[in-house]
Amino acid sequence: MLHDSEVDVQAAAADCLGALKLHEAFEDLQHLYHTTGEWLIQFSIIATLGELGDPRAFELLKEALSSENELVQTAAISSLGDLGDVQAVPLLAPYATNPDWQIRYRLVQALARLASPEAKFILETLANDQVEAIATEAKNSLQSV
């Protein structure tokens, strides 16, 4: 992953490390995220961190929420939900009013995994979203929160 010159190979390698739950690869993933200028690699790293499930990823995911790339932001939202740390809820709350419906949809999915009173409140708000898919997902999520 660190030494291949092909962007898509590096991105696929990052994805595999998370799928294999190789926690010892976290530092390498974090280093590559900070040293690459390739959005696809950054996206793959952020997307796989939730699957990796390593609590050390929280700060990097928090950082990725500020990415200029909306796909990286969306991956960070999903991965924070996968990570399951309720400290993410206040970080995610501002995305409830994001104009991009896909970001709001991912937010609903993430909040459903972050059972807290604040997450439930946001889900209740999103249950009235103008986009039917978001409202339906939020209503379904509220049944299990």
N, C-alpha and C. Protein backbone atom coordinates (compact mmCIF):
# COMPACT_ATOMS: atom_id res chain seq x y z
N MET A 1 0.83 -1.19 0.00
CA MET A 1 0.00 0.00 0.00
C MET A 1 0.87 1.25 0.00
N LEU A 2 1.91 1.27 0.78
CA LEU A 2 2.73 2.47 0.90
C LEU A 2 3.69 2.68 -0.27
N HIS A 3 4.02 1.61 -0.97
CA HIS A 3 5.08 1.71 -1.96
C HIS A 3 4.62 1.51 -3.40
N ASP A 4 3.35 1.21 -3.61
CA ASP A 4 2.86 1.03 -4.97
C ASP A 4 2.58 2.40 -5.58
N SER A 5 2.90 2.58 -6.83
CA SER A 5 2.72 3.87 -7.48
C SER A 5 1.30 4.06 -8.05
N GLU A 6 0.53 2.99 -8.12
CA GLU A 6 -0.82 3.07 -8.67
C GLU A 6 -1.83 3.48 -7.59
N VAL A 7 -2.54 4.56 -7.85
CA VAL A 7 -3.51 5.09 -6.89
C VAL A 7 -4.59 4.06 -6.57
N ASP A 8 -5.13 3.41 -7.60
CA ASP A 8 -6.22 2.46 -7.34
C ASP A 8 -5.73 1.23 -6.57
N VAL A 9 -4.48 0.85 -6.74
CA VAL A 9 -3.92 -0.28 -5.98
C VAL A 9 -3.77 0.13 -4.51
N GLN A 10 -3.29 1.34 -4.27
CA GLN A 10 -3.17 1.82 -2.89
C GLN A 10 -4.54 1.91 -2.22
N ALA A 11 -5.52 2.40 -2.95
CA ALA A 11 -6.87 2.53 -2.40
C ALA A 11 -7.46 1.16 -2.08
N ALA A 12 -7.28 0.20 -2.99
CA ALA A 12 -7.78 -1.15 -2.76
C ALA A 12 -7.06 -1.82 -1.59
N ALA A 13 -5.78 -1.58 -1.45
CA ALA A 13 -5.02 -2.15 -0.35
C ALA A 13 -5.52 -1.59 0.98
N ALA A 14 -5.78 -0.29 1.02
CA ALA A 14 -6.32 0.32 2.25
C ALA A 14 -7.65 -0.32 2.61
N ASP A 15 -8.49 -0.52 1.62
CA ASP A 15 -9.80 -1.13 1.86
C ASP A 15 -9.65 -2.55 2.42
N CYS A 16 -8.73 -3.29 1.87
CA CYS A 16 -8.50 -4.67 2.32
C CYS A 16 -8.01 -4.72 3.76
N LEU A 17 -7.15 -3.79 4.14
CA LEU A 17 -6.63 -3.78 5.51
C LEU A 17 -7.77 -3.61 6.53
N GLY A 18 -8.72 -2.76 6.20
CA GLY A 18 -9.86 -2.58 7.09
C GLY A 18 -10.75 -3.80 7.13
N ALA A 19 -11.00 -4.38 5.95
CA ALA A 19 -11.86 -5.57 5.87
C ALA A 19 -11.25 -6.74 6.64
N LEU A 20 -9.94 -6.80 6.64
CA LEU A 20 -9.25 -7.89 7.35
C LEU A 20 -9.06 -7.58 8.84
N LYS A 21 -9.49 -6.39 9.26
CA LYS A 21 -9.39 -5.96 10.66
C LYS A 21 -7.95 -5.98 11.17
N LEU A 22 -7.03 -5.53 10.33
CA LEU A 22 -5.62 -5.49 10.71
C LEU A 22 -5.32 -4.20 11.47
N HIS A 23 -5.57 -4.23 12.77
CA HIS A 23 -5.39 -3.05 13.61
C HIS A 23 -3.96 -2.53 13.60
N GLU A 24 -3.02 -3.43 13.39
CA GLU A 24 -1.62 -3.00 13.36
C GLU A 24 -1.31 -2.13 12.14
N ALA A 25 -2.22 -2.05 11.20
CA ALA A 25 -2.02 -1.21 10.01
C ALA A 25 -2.54 0.21 10.22
N PHE A 26 -3.12 0.49 11.38
CA PHE A 26 -3.73 1.81 11.59
C PHE A 26 -2.73 2.95 11.36
N GLU A 27 -1.54 2.84 11.95
CA GLU A 27 -0.56 3.92 11.80
C GLU A 27 -0.19 4.15 10.34
N ASP A 28 -0.07 3.07 9.56
CA ASP A 28 0.24 3.21 8.14
C ASP A 28 -0.91 3.90 7.40
N LEU A 29 -2.14 3.52 7.73
CA LEU A 29 -3.30 4.16 7.11
C LEU A 29 -3.34 5.65 7.44
N GLN A 30 -3.09 5.97 8.69
CA GLN A 30 -3.10 7.36 9.13
C GLN A 30 -1.99 8.15 8.43
N HIS A 31 -0.81 7.57 8.36
CA HIS A 31 0.32 8.23 7.69
C HIS A 31 0.00 8.48 6.22
N LEU A 32 -0.53 7.48 5.54
CA LEU A 32 -0.84 7.63 4.12
C LEU A 32 -1.92 8.68 3.90
N TYR A 33 -2.92 8.72 4.77
CA TYR A 33 -3.98 9.72 4.66
C TYR A 33 -3.38 11.13 4.67
N HIS A 34 -2.43 11.34 5.57
CA HIS A 34 -1.84 12.67 5.72
C HIS A 34 -0.80 13.01 4.65
N THR A 35 -0.25 12.02 3.99
CA THR A 35 0.82 12.30 3.03
C THR A 35 0.40 12.23 1.57
N THR A 36 -0.75 11.69 1.30
CA THR A 36 -1.20 11.60 -0.10
C THR A 36 -2.07 12.81 -0.45
N GLY A 37 -2.00 13.18 -1.69
CA GLY A 37 -2.88 14.21 -2.21
C GLY A 37 -4.01 13.62 -3.04
N GLU A 38 -4.07 12.30 -3.10
CA GLU A 38 -5.06 11.59 -3.92
C GLU A 38 -6.35 11.39 -3.12
N TRP A 39 -7.42 11.97 -3.61
CA TRP A 39 -8.70 11.86 -2.90
C TRP A 39 -9.19 10.43 -2.82
N LEU A 40 -8.93 9.63 -3.85
CA LEU A 40 -9.41 8.25 -3.85
C LEU A 40 -8.76 7.44 -2.73
N ILE A 41 -7.50 7.67 -2.50
CA ILE A 41 -6.81 6.97 -1.41
C ILE A 41 -7.35 7.45 -0.07
N GLN A 42 -7.51 8.76 0.08
CA GLN A 42 -8.06 9.29 1.32
C GLN A 42 -9.46 8.74 1.57
N PHE A 43 -10.27 8.71 0.52
CA PHE A 43 -11.63 8.17 0.63
C PHE A 43 -11.59 6.71 1.09
N SER A 44 -10.75 5.90 0.48
CA SER A 44 -10.67 4.48 0.83
C SER A 44 -10.22 4.28 2.28
N ILE A 45 -9.27 5.10 2.71
CA ILE A 45 -8.80 4.99 4.09
C ILE A 45 -9.92 5.34 5.06
N ILE A 46 -10.59 6.45 4.82
CA ILE A 46 -11.65 6.89 5.73
C ILE A 46 -12.81 5.89 5.71
N ALA A 47 -13.15 5.38 4.54
CA ALA A 47 -14.24 4.41 4.45
C ALA A 47 -13.93 3.12 5.19
N THR A 48 -12.67 2.73 5.21
CA THR A 48 -12.32 1.45 5.84
C THR A 48 -12.12 1.57 7.35
N LEU A 49 -11.92 2.78 7.85
CA LEU A 49 -11.65 2.93 9.29
C LEU A 49 -12.82 2.50 10.16
N GLY A 50 -14.03 2.74 9.70
CA GLY A 50 -15.19 2.29 10.48
C GLY A 50 -15.23 0.78 10.54
N GLU A 51 -14.96 0.15 9.42
CA GLU A 51 -14.95 -1.30 9.35
C GLU A 51 -13.82 -1.88 10.21
N LEU A 52 -12.70 -1.17 10.25
CA LEU A 52 -11.57 -1.60 11.07
C LEU A 52 -11.97 -1.62 12.54
N GLY A 53 -12.77 -0.63 12.94
CA GLY A 53 -13.29 -0.61 14.31
C GLY A 53 -12.28 -0.26 15.38
N ASP A 54 -11.22 0.42 15.01
CA ASP A 54 -10.17 0.79 15.96
C ASP A 54 -10.51 2.16 16.55
N PRO A 55 -10.64 2.25 17.88
CA PRO A 55 -11.00 3.54 18.50
C PRO A 55 -10.01 4.67 18.19
N ARG A 56 -8.77 4.34 17.85
CA ARG A 56 -7.78 5.37 17.50
C ARG A 56 -8.20 6.14 16.26
N ALA A 57 -9.11 5.59 15.48
CA ALA A 57 -9.54 6.23 14.23
C ALA A 57 -10.41 7.45 14.46
N PHE A 58 -10.95 7.61 15.66
CA PHE A 58 -11.90 8.69 15.92
C PHE A 58 -11.35 10.06 15.50
N GLU A 59 -10.15 10.39 15.91
CA GLU A 59 -9.58 11.71 15.61
C GLU A 59 -9.37 11.91 14.11
N LEU A 60 -8.93 10.87 13.42
CA LEU A 60 -8.73 10.98 11.97
C LEU A 60 -10.07 11.14 11.25
N LEU A 61 -11.09 10.43 11.72
CA LEU A 61 -12.43 10.57 11.13
C LEU A 61 -12.98 11.97 11.40
N LYS A 62 -12.73 12.47 12.58
CA LYS A 62 -13.14 13.83 12.92
C LYS A 62 -12.47 14.83 11.96
N GLU A 63 -11.19 14.62 11.72
CA GLU A 63 -10.45 15.48 10.79
C GLU A 63 -11.04 15.38 9.37
N ALA A 64 -11.39 14.18 8.97
CA ALA A 64 -11.91 13.96 7.61
C ALA A 64 -13.26 14.65 7.38
N LEU A 65 -13.99 14.91 8.45
CA LEU A 65 -15.25 15.65 8.30
C LEU A 65 -15.01 17.04 7.72
N SER A 66 -13.80 17.56 7.88
CA SER A 66 -13.46 18.89 7.37
C SER A 66 -12.83 18.86 5.98
N SER A 67 -12.79 17.69 5.38
CA SER A 67 -12.19 17.56 4.05
C SER A 67 -12.94 18.44 3.06
N GLU A 68 -12.21 18.92 2.06
CA GLU A 68 -12.84 19.69 1.00
C GLU A 68 -13.61 18.78 0.04
N ASN A 69 -13.37 17.50 0.12
CA ASN A 69 -14.02 16.53 -0.77
C ASN A 69 -15.25 15.96 -0.07
N GLU A 70 -16.43 16.17 -0.66
CA GLU A 70 -17.66 15.69 -0.03
C GLU A 70 -17.74 14.17 0.07
N LEU A 71 -17.10 13.46 -0.84
CA LEU A 71 -17.10 11.99 -0.74
C LEU A 71 -16.31 11.54 0.48
N VAL A 72 -15.23 12.22 0.79
CA VAL A 72 -14.45 11.91 1.99
C VAL A 72 -15.27 12.24 3.23
N GLN A 73 -15.97 13.37 3.21
CA GLN A 73 -16.86 13.73 4.32
C GLN A 73 -17.93 12.66 4.53
N THR A 74 -18.55 12.24 3.45
CA THR A 74 -19.60 11.22 3.53
C THR A 74 -19.06 9.92 4.10
N ALA A 75 -17.88 9.53 3.66
CA ALA A 75 -17.25 8.32 4.20
C ALA A 75 -16.96 8.48 5.69
N ALA A 76 -16.55 9.66 6.10
CA ALA A 76 -16.27 9.91 7.52
C ALA A 76 -17.54 9.80 8.35
N ILE A 77 -18.64 10.32 7.83
CA ILE A 77 -19.92 10.20 8.54
C ILE A 77 -20.28 8.73 8.74
N SER A 78 -20.18 7.96 7.68
CA SER A 78 -20.50 6.53 7.76
C SER A 78 -19.57 5.81 8.73
N SER A 79 -18.28 6.10 8.63
CA SER A 79 -17.31 5.40 9.48
C SER A 79 -17.46 5.78 10.94
N LEU A 80 -17.83 7.02 11.22
CA LEU A 80 -18.08 7.39 12.62
C LEU A 80 -19.27 6.60 13.17
N GLY A 81 -20.26 6.37 12.35
CA GLY A 81 -21.38 5.52 12.78
C GLY A 81 -20.92 4.10 13.02
N ASP A 82 -20.11 3.58 12.11
CA ASP A 82 -19.59 2.21 12.26
C ASP A 82 -18.73 2.08 13.50
N LEU A 83 -17.97 3.12 13.81
CA LEU A 83 -17.09 3.07 14.97
C LEU A 83 -17.89 2.97 16.27
N GLY A 84 -19.07 3.59 16.28
CA GLY A 84 -19.99 3.42 17.41
C GLY A 84 -19.71 4.28 18.63
N ASP A 85 -18.90 5.29 18.50
CA ASP A 85 -18.57 6.17 19.62
C ASP A 85 -19.57 7.32 19.65
N VAL A 86 -20.38 7.40 20.71
CA VAL A 86 -21.43 8.43 20.78
C VAL A 86 -20.86 9.85 20.85
N GLN A 87 -19.56 9.99 21.09
CA GLN A 87 -18.94 11.32 21.06
C GLN A 87 -19.03 11.93 19.66
N ALA A 88 -19.33 11.10 18.67
CA ALA A 88 -19.43 11.58 17.29
C ALA A 88 -20.73 12.35 17.04
N VAL A 89 -21.74 12.12 17.85
CA VAL A 89 -23.05 12.72 17.58
C VAL A 89 -22.99 14.24 17.46
N PRO A 90 -22.35 14.96 18.39
CA PRO A 90 -22.29 16.42 18.22
C PRO A 90 -21.51 16.85 16.97
N LEU A 91 -20.55 16.05 16.57
CA LEU A 91 -19.79 16.35 15.35
C LEU A 91 -20.65 16.17 14.10
N LEU A 92 -21.57 15.22 14.17
CA LEU A 92 -22.41 14.88 13.03
C LEU A 92 -23.67 15.74 12.93
N ALA A 93 -24.09 16.29 14.05
CA ALA A 93 -25.35 17.05 14.10
C ALA A 93 -25.49 18.12 13.01
N PRO A 94 -24.45 18.90 12.72
CA PRO A 94 -24.61 19.94 11.69
C PRO A 94 -24.96 19.40 10.29
N TYR A 95 -24.69 18.14 10.04
CA TYR A 95 -24.97 17.57 8.72
C TYR A 95 -26.46 17.29 8.51
N ALA A 96 -27.26 17.45 9.55
CA ALA A 96 -28.71 17.22 9.42
C ALA A 96 -29.35 18.25 8.49
N THR A 97 -28.69 19.37 8.29
CA THR A 97 -29.24 20.41 7.41
C THR A 97 -28.40 20.57 6.14
N ASN A 98 -27.53 19.62 5.88
CA ASN A 98 -26.71 19.69 4.68
C ASN A 98 -27.61 19.67 3.44
N PRO A 99 -27.33 20.49 2.45
CA PRO A 99 -28.19 20.51 1.25
C PRO A 99 -28.11 19.23 0.41
N ASP A 100 -27.05 18.46 0.58
CA ASP A 100 -26.89 17.21 -0.19
C ASP A 100 -27.68 16.10 0.51
N TRP A 101 -28.71 15.61 -0.17
CA TRP A 101 -29.57 14.59 0.43
C TRP A 101 -28.80 13.30 0.73
N GLN A 102 -27.77 13.00 -0.05
CA GLN A 102 -27.00 11.78 0.17
C GLN A 102 -26.22 11.85 1.49
N ILE A 103 -25.74 13.04 1.82
CA ILE A 103 -25.05 13.21 3.10
C ILE A 103 -26.05 13.04 4.24
N ARG A 104 -27.25 13.61 4.10
CA ARG A 104 -28.27 13.45 5.15
C ARG A 104 -28.68 11.99 5.29
N TYR A 105 -28.74 11.28 4.17
CA TYR A 105 -29.10 9.86 4.21
C TYR A 105 -28.04 9.06 4.97
N ARG A 106 -26.77 9.30 4.66
CA ARG A 106 -25.67 8.63 5.38
C ARG A 106 -25.70 9.01 6.86
N LEU A 107 -26.05 10.23 7.13
CA LEU A 107 -26.15 10.67 8.52
C LEU A 107 -27.18 9.85 9.28
N VAL A 108 -28.33 9.64 8.68
CA VAL A 108 -29.37 8.82 9.32
C VAL A 108 -28.82 7.43 9.63
N GLN A 109 -28.15 6.83 8.67
CA GLN A 109 -27.58 5.50 8.88
C GLN A 109 -26.56 5.51 10.01
N ALA A 110 -25.73 6.54 10.07
CA ALA A 110 -24.72 6.63 11.13
C ALA A 110 -25.37 6.82 12.49
N LEU A 111 -26.34 7.73 12.57
CA LEU A 111 -26.99 8.00 13.85
C LEU A 111 -27.75 6.80 14.39
N ALA A 112 -28.25 5.97 13.50
CA ALA A 112 -28.96 4.76 13.94
C ALA A 112 -28.03 3.83 14.72
N ARG A 113 -26.73 3.92 14.46
CA ARG A 113 -25.75 3.08 15.16
C ARG A 113 -25.20 3.77 16.40
N LEU A 114 -25.56 5.03 16.60
CA LEU A 114 -25.05 5.81 17.73
C LEU A 114 -26.19 6.13 18.68
N ALA A 115 -26.69 5.13 19.31
CA ALA A 115 -27.85 5.27 20.18
C ALA A 115 -27.54 6.22 21.34
N SER A 116 -28.14 7.38 21.26
CA SER A 116 -28.05 8.37 22.34
C SER A 116 -29.28 9.27 22.23
N PRO A 117 -29.62 9.96 23.30
CA PRO A 117 -30.78 10.87 23.21
C PRO A 117 -30.61 11.93 22.12
N GLU A 118 -29.39 12.46 21.97
CA GLU A 118 -29.16 13.48 20.94
C GLU A 118 -29.31 12.88 19.54
N ALA A 119 -28.81 11.67 19.34
CA ALA A 119 -28.96 11.01 18.04
C ALA A 119 -30.44 10.79 17.74
N LYS A 120 -31.19 10.37 18.74
CA LYS A 120 -32.62 10.14 18.56
C LYS A 120 -33.34 11.44 18.19
N PHE A 121 -32.96 12.53 18.84
CA PHE A 121 -33.57 13.82 18.53
C PHE A 121 -33.32 14.21 17.08
N ILE A 122 -32.10 14.02 16.61
CA ILE A 122 -31.76 14.36 15.22
C ILE A 122 -32.53 13.46 14.26
N LEU A 123 -32.62 12.18 14.60
CA LEU A 123 -33.38 11.25 13.77
C LEU A 123 -34.85 11.64 13.69
N GLU A 124 -35.41 12.12 14.81
CA GLU A 124 -36.80 12.57 14.82
C GLU A 124 -36.99 13.75 13.87
N THR A 125 -36.02 14.63 13.84
CA THR A 125 -36.06 15.77 12.91
C THR A 125 -35.98 15.28 11.47
N LEU A 126 -35.06 14.36 11.21
CA LEU A 126 -34.88 13.86 9.85
C LEU A 126 -36.03 12.97 9.39
N ALA A 127 -36.85 12.50 10.33
CA ALA A 127 -38.04 11.72 9.95
C ALA A 127 -39.04 12.59 9.20
N ASN A 128 -38.84 13.91 9.25
CA ASN A 128 -39.71 14.85 8.53
C ASN A 128 -38.99 15.47 7.33
N ASP A 129 -37.88 14.86 6.91
CA ASP A 129 -37.12 15.39 5.79
C ASP A 129 -37.98 15.41 4.53
N GLN A 130 -37.72 16.37 3.66
CA GLN A 130 -38.47 16.48 2.41
C GLN A 130 -38.17 15.36 1.44
N VAL A 131 -37.01 14.72 1.59
CA VAL A 131 -36.65 13.59 0.73
C VAL A 131 -37.21 12.32 1.38
N GLU A 132 -38.09 11.66 0.67
CA GLU A 132 -38.81 10.51 1.22
C GLU A 132 -37.88 9.40 1.72
N ALA A 133 -36.81 9.13 0.99
CA ALA A 133 -35.88 8.06 1.39
C ALA A 133 -35.26 8.36 2.74
N ILE A 134 -34.94 9.61 2.99
CA ILE A 134 -34.34 10.00 4.27
C ILE A 134 -35.38 9.88 5.39
N ALA A 135 -36.56 10.41 5.15
CA ALA A 135 -37.62 10.34 6.16
C ALA A 135 -37.95 8.90 6.51
N THR A 136 -38.07 8.06 5.51
CA THR A 136 -38.39 6.64 5.74
C THR A 136 -37.28 5.95 6.53
N GLU A 137 -36.04 6.19 6.14
CA GLU A 137 -34.90 5.57 6.84
C GLU A 137 -34.84 6.05 8.29
N ALA A 138 -35.10 7.33 8.51
CA ALA A 138 -35.08 7.88 9.87
C ALA A 138 -36.21 7.26 10.71
N LYS A 139 -37.39 7.14 10.14
CA LYS A 139 -38.51 6.53 10.86
C LYS A 139 -38.21 5.08 11.21
N ASN A 140 -37.65 4.35 10.27
CA ASN A 140 -37.28 2.96 10.53
C ASN A 140 -36.20 2.86 11.60
N SER A 141 -35.26 3.79 11.57
CA SER A 141 -34.18 3.80 12.56
C SER A 141 -34.70 4.09 13.96
N LEU A 142 -35.68 4.95 14.04
CA LEU A 142 -36.24 5.30 15.34
C LEU A 142 -36.91 4.11 16.04
N GLN A 143 -37.35 3.16 15.25
CA GLN A 143 -37.97 1.96 15.83
C GLN A 143 -36.95 1.09 16.56
N SER A 144 -35.67 1.22 16.16
CA SER A 144 -34.66 0.37 16.77
C SER A 144 -33.73 1.11 17.73
N VAL A 145 -33.91 2.44 17.83
CA VAL A 145 -33.05 3.23 18.74
C VAL A 145 -33.66 3.31 20.10
